[in-house]
Amino acid sequence: MKIEVLGTGCPKCNALEAATKTAAEKLGITYELEHVKDITEIMNRGVMMTPALMIDGDVKVCGKVPSEAEISTILTSALARKDSA
């Protein structure tokens, strides 16, 4: 699973990255995490508000920091979709 946090490195972006790592590790999933900080690259992905969370190329959250529980739900749903594909 490829997880990307989009944001310039502000406290909210860093909080999203930390919460996402924690959620993924608690779920025991194998993942690759990248923090995209280049604003041009962020805009090229169609994101106009940060922080944003992308899972396997799909924007799941934009403009807020979801709770760890919400992130776990997002990751679990993405895994389920991946397994059924």
N, C-alpha and C. Protein backbone atom coordinates (compact mmCIF):
# COMPACT_ATOMS: atom_id res chain seq x y z
N MET A 1 0.86 -1.18 0.00
CA MET A 1 0.00 0.00 0.00
C MET A 1 0.90 1.23 0.00
N LYS A 2 0.58 2.16 -0.91
CA LYS A 2 1.33 3.41 -0.96
C LYS A 2 0.50 4.50 -0.29
N ILE A 3 1.07 5.09 0.74
CA ILE A 3 0.42 6.17 1.49
C ILE A 3 1.23 7.43 1.26
N GLU A 4 0.52 8.50 0.91
CA GLU A 4 1.18 9.78 0.72
C GLU A 4 0.49 10.85 1.55
N VAL A 5 1.30 11.60 2.29
CA VAL A 5 0.82 12.77 3.02
C VAL A 5 1.25 13.96 2.18
N LEU A 6 0.29 14.80 1.83
CA LEU A 6 0.58 15.99 1.03
C LEU A 6 0.49 17.22 1.92
N GLY A 7 1.58 17.94 1.99
CA GLY A 7 1.61 19.15 2.81
C GLY A 7 3.02 19.67 2.91
N THR A 8 3.15 20.95 3.11
CA THR A 8 4.46 21.61 3.06
C THR A 8 5.34 21.38 4.27
N GLY A 9 4.85 20.70 5.27
CA GLY A 9 5.65 20.43 6.46
C GLY A 9 5.19 21.22 7.67
N CYS A 10 4.00 21.78 7.60
CA CYS A 10 3.44 22.52 8.74
C CYS A 10 3.09 21.54 9.87
N PRO A 11 2.80 22.04 11.06
CA PRO A 11 2.46 21.14 12.17
C PRO A 11 1.30 20.20 11.87
N LYS A 12 0.27 20.68 11.17
CA LYS A 12 -0.87 19.81 10.85
C LYS A 12 -0.46 18.70 9.89
N CYS A 13 0.37 19.02 8.92
CA CYS A 13 0.84 18.01 7.97
C CYS A 13 1.68 16.95 8.69
N ASN A 14 2.54 17.40 9.57
CA ASN A 14 3.36 16.47 10.33
C ASN A 14 2.52 15.62 11.28
N ALA A 15 1.46 16.21 11.84
CA ALA A 15 0.55 15.45 12.71
C ALA A 15 -0.17 14.37 11.91
N LEU A 16 -0.57 14.68 10.68
CA LEU A 16 -1.22 13.69 9.82
C LEU A 16 -0.26 12.55 9.51
N GLU A 17 0.98 12.88 9.21
CA GLU A 17 1.98 11.85 8.93
C GLU A 17 2.17 10.93 10.14
N ALA A 18 2.32 11.52 11.32
CA ALA A 18 2.53 10.72 12.54
C ALA A 18 1.33 9.84 12.84
N ALA A 19 0.12 10.39 12.74
CA ALA A 19 -1.09 9.61 13.03
C ALA A 19 -1.27 8.49 12.02
N THR A 20 -0.91 8.74 10.77
CA THR A 20 -1.03 7.72 9.73
C THR A 20 -0.05 6.58 9.97
N LYS A 21 1.18 6.92 10.33
CA LYS A 21 2.17 5.88 10.66
C LYS A 21 1.69 5.02 11.82
N THR A 22 1.19 5.68 12.85
CA THR A 22 0.72 4.95 14.03
C THR A 22 -0.44 4.02 13.67
N ALA A 23 -1.39 4.53 12.91
CA ALA A 23 -2.56 3.71 12.52
C ALA A 23 -2.12 2.52 11.68
N ALA A 24 -1.25 2.75 10.71
CA ALA A 24 -0.79 1.67 9.83
C ALA A 24 -0.03 0.61 10.61
N GLU A 25 0.80 1.04 11.54
CA GLU A 25 1.58 0.09 12.34
C GLU A 25 0.68 -0.71 13.27
N LYS A 26 -0.32 -0.06 13.86
CA LYS A 26 -1.26 -0.79 14.74
C LYS A 26 -2.07 -1.82 13.95
N LEU A 27 -2.37 -1.51 12.68
CA LEU A 27 -3.10 -2.45 11.84
C LEU A 27 -2.19 -3.57 11.31
N GLY A 28 -0.89 -3.35 11.41
CA GLY A 28 0.05 -4.37 10.95
C GLY A 28 0.12 -4.49 9.44
N ILE A 29 -0.15 -3.40 8.74
CA ILE A 29 -0.11 -3.48 7.28
C ILE A 29 1.28 -3.13 6.75
N THR A 30 1.57 -3.66 5.59
CA THR A 30 2.81 -3.32 4.90
C THR A 30 2.52 -2.07 4.07
N TYR A 31 3.33 -1.04 4.24
CA TYR A 31 3.06 0.20 3.54
C TYR A 31 4.35 0.93 3.21
N GLU A 32 4.24 1.81 2.24
CA GLU A 32 5.31 2.74 1.88
C GLU A 32 4.72 4.12 2.10
N LEU A 33 5.38 4.95 2.91
CA LEU A 33 4.87 6.29 3.20
C LEU A 33 5.79 7.35 2.63
N GLU A 34 5.20 8.30 1.94
CA GLU A 34 5.95 9.43 1.39
C GLU A 34 5.26 10.72 1.81
N HIS A 35 6.05 11.70 2.23
CA HIS A 35 5.51 13.01 2.57
C HIS A 35 5.89 13.95 1.42
N VAL A 36 4.90 14.33 0.61
CA VAL A 36 5.11 15.20 -0.54
C VAL A 36 4.99 16.65 -0.07
N LYS A 37 6.09 17.39 -0.15
CA LYS A 37 6.11 18.76 0.37
C LYS A 37 6.15 19.82 -0.73
N ASP A 38 6.41 19.42 -1.96
CA ASP A 38 6.49 20.35 -3.08
C ASP A 38 5.09 20.81 -3.47
N ILE A 39 4.84 22.11 -3.33
CA ILE A 39 3.50 22.65 -3.57
C ILE A 39 3.04 22.44 -5.00
N THR A 40 3.95 22.50 -5.96
CA THR A 40 3.59 22.26 -7.36
C THR A 40 3.13 20.83 -7.55
N GLU A 41 3.83 19.89 -6.95
CA GLU A 41 3.45 18.47 -7.04
C GLU A 41 2.11 18.24 -6.36
N ILE A 42 1.89 18.89 -5.23
CA ILE A 42 0.61 18.76 -4.52
C ILE A 42 -0.53 19.26 -5.42
N MET A 43 -0.35 20.41 -6.04
CA MET A 43 -1.39 20.97 -6.91
C MET A 43 -1.58 20.11 -8.16
N ASN A 44 -0.52 19.52 -8.67
CA ASN A 44 -0.63 18.62 -9.83
C ASN A 44 -1.50 17.40 -9.53
N ARG A 45 -1.61 17.06 -8.27
CA ARG A 45 -2.45 15.93 -7.86
C ARG A 45 -3.89 16.35 -7.59
N GLY A 46 -4.19 17.63 -7.85
CA GLY A 46 -5.56 18.12 -7.70
C GLY A 46 -5.92 18.53 -6.29
N VAL A 47 -4.93 18.65 -5.43
CA VAL A 47 -5.18 19.01 -4.03
C VAL A 47 -4.93 20.51 -3.85
N MET A 48 -5.94 21.21 -3.34
CA MET A 48 -5.82 22.65 -3.14
C MET A 48 -5.79 23.03 -1.66
N MET A 49 -6.07 22.07 -0.78
CA MET A 49 -6.02 22.32 0.66
C MET A 49 -5.20 21.21 1.32
N THR A 50 -4.30 21.61 2.18
CA THR A 50 -3.50 20.63 2.90
C THR A 50 -3.82 20.73 4.38
N PRO A 51 -3.52 19.70 5.15
CA PRO A 51 -2.90 18.46 4.71
C PRO A 51 -3.89 17.58 3.97
N ALA A 52 -3.33 16.66 3.18
CA ALA A 52 -4.16 15.70 2.46
C ALA A 52 -3.53 14.32 2.60
N LEU A 53 -4.37 13.31 2.52
CA LEU A 53 -3.93 11.93 2.62
C LEU A 53 -4.35 11.18 1.36
N MET A 54 -3.37 10.58 0.70
CA MET A 54 -3.64 9.77 -0.49
C MET A 54 -3.29 8.33 -0.19
N ILE A 55 -4.15 7.43 -0.62
CA ILE A 55 -3.90 6.00 -0.50
C ILE A 55 -3.93 5.41 -1.90
N ASP A 56 -2.83 4.81 -2.31
CA ASP A 56 -2.73 4.20 -3.64
C ASP A 56 -3.23 5.13 -4.74
N GLY A 57 -2.85 6.41 -4.65
CA GLY A 57 -3.18 7.38 -5.69
C GLY A 57 -4.52 8.06 -5.58
N ASP A 58 -5.33 7.70 -4.59
CA ASP A 58 -6.65 8.32 -4.40
C ASP A 58 -6.63 9.24 -3.18
N VAL A 59 -7.12 10.47 -3.35
CA VAL A 59 -7.21 11.41 -2.23
C VAL A 59 -8.34 10.94 -1.31
N LYS A 60 -8.02 10.70 -0.05
CA LYS A 60 -9.02 10.23 0.92
C LYS A 60 -9.44 11.32 1.89
N VAL A 61 -8.52 12.23 2.21
CA VAL A 61 -8.80 13.32 3.16
C VAL A 61 -8.09 14.55 2.64
N CYS A 62 -8.76 15.69 2.77
CA CYS A 62 -8.17 16.94 2.30
C CYS A 62 -8.57 18.08 3.22
N GLY A 63 -7.59 18.86 3.69
CA GLY A 63 -7.87 20.05 4.46
C GLY A 63 -8.09 19.86 5.94
N LYS A 64 -7.83 18.65 6.45
CA LYS A 64 -7.99 18.43 7.89
C LYS A 64 -7.11 17.27 8.34
N VAL A 65 -6.96 17.17 9.64
CA VAL A 65 -6.23 16.05 10.23
C VAL A 65 -7.26 15.13 10.88
N PRO A 66 -7.53 13.98 10.24
CA PRO A 66 -8.49 13.05 10.85
C PRO A 66 -7.89 12.38 12.08
N SER A 67 -8.75 11.83 12.91
CA SER A 67 -8.27 11.12 14.09
C SER A 67 -7.59 9.82 13.65
N GLU A 68 -6.83 9.25 14.56
CA GLU A 68 -6.18 7.97 14.27
C GLU A 68 -7.22 6.90 13.93
N ALA A 69 -8.36 6.93 14.62
CA ALA A 69 -9.44 5.97 14.36
C ALA A 69 -9.98 6.15 12.94
N GLU A 70 -10.16 7.40 12.51
CA GLU A 70 -10.64 7.65 11.15
C GLU A 70 -9.63 7.16 10.12
N ILE A 71 -8.36 7.39 10.38
CA ILE A 71 -7.31 6.93 9.47
C ILE A 71 -7.31 5.41 9.40
N SER A 72 -7.48 4.75 10.53
CA SER A 72 -7.55 3.29 10.55
C SER A 72 -8.69 2.78 9.68
N THR A 73 -9.84 3.45 9.77
CA THR A 73 -10.99 3.07 8.94
C THR A 73 -10.68 3.25 7.46
N ILE A 74 -10.04 4.35 7.12
CA ILE A 74 -9.67 4.63 5.72
C ILE A 74 -8.71 3.55 5.22
N LEU A 75 -7.71 3.22 6.03
CA LEU A 75 -6.73 2.20 5.63
C LEU A 75 -7.38 0.82 5.49
N THR A 76 -8.24 0.48 6.42
CA THR A 76 -8.93 -0.81 6.37
C THR A 76 -9.80 -0.91 5.12
N SER A 77 -10.52 0.16 4.81
CA SER A 77 -11.36 0.17 3.60
C SER A 77 -10.51 0.03 2.33
N ALA A 78 -9.37 0.71 2.30
CA ALA A 78 -8.49 0.62 1.14
C ALA A 78 -7.94 -0.79 0.98
N LEU A 79 -7.61 -1.43 2.10
CA LEU A 79 -7.13 -2.82 2.05
C LEU A 79 -8.22 -3.75 1.54
N ALA A 80 -9.44 -3.55 2.00
CA ALA A 80 -10.55 -4.40 1.58
C ALA A 80 -10.80 -4.28 0.08
N ARG A 81 -10.73 -3.04 -0.42
CA ARG A 81 -10.91 -2.83 -1.86
C ARG A 81 -9.80 -3.46 -2.66
N LYS A 82 -8.58 -3.37 -2.13
CA LYS A 82 -7.42 -3.93 -2.82
C LYS A 82 -7.53 -5.46 -2.87
N ASP A 83 -7.99 -6.06 -1.77
CA ASP A 83 -8.11 -7.51 -1.71
C ASP A 83 -9.22 -8.04 -2.61
N SER A 84 -10.27 -7.25 -2.81
CA SER A 84 -11.39 -7.70 -3.63
C SER A 84 -11.15 -7.46 -5.12
N ALA A 85 -10.12 -6.69 -5.43
CA ALA A 85 -9.85 -6.37 -6.84
C ALA A 85 -9.15 -7.52 -7.56
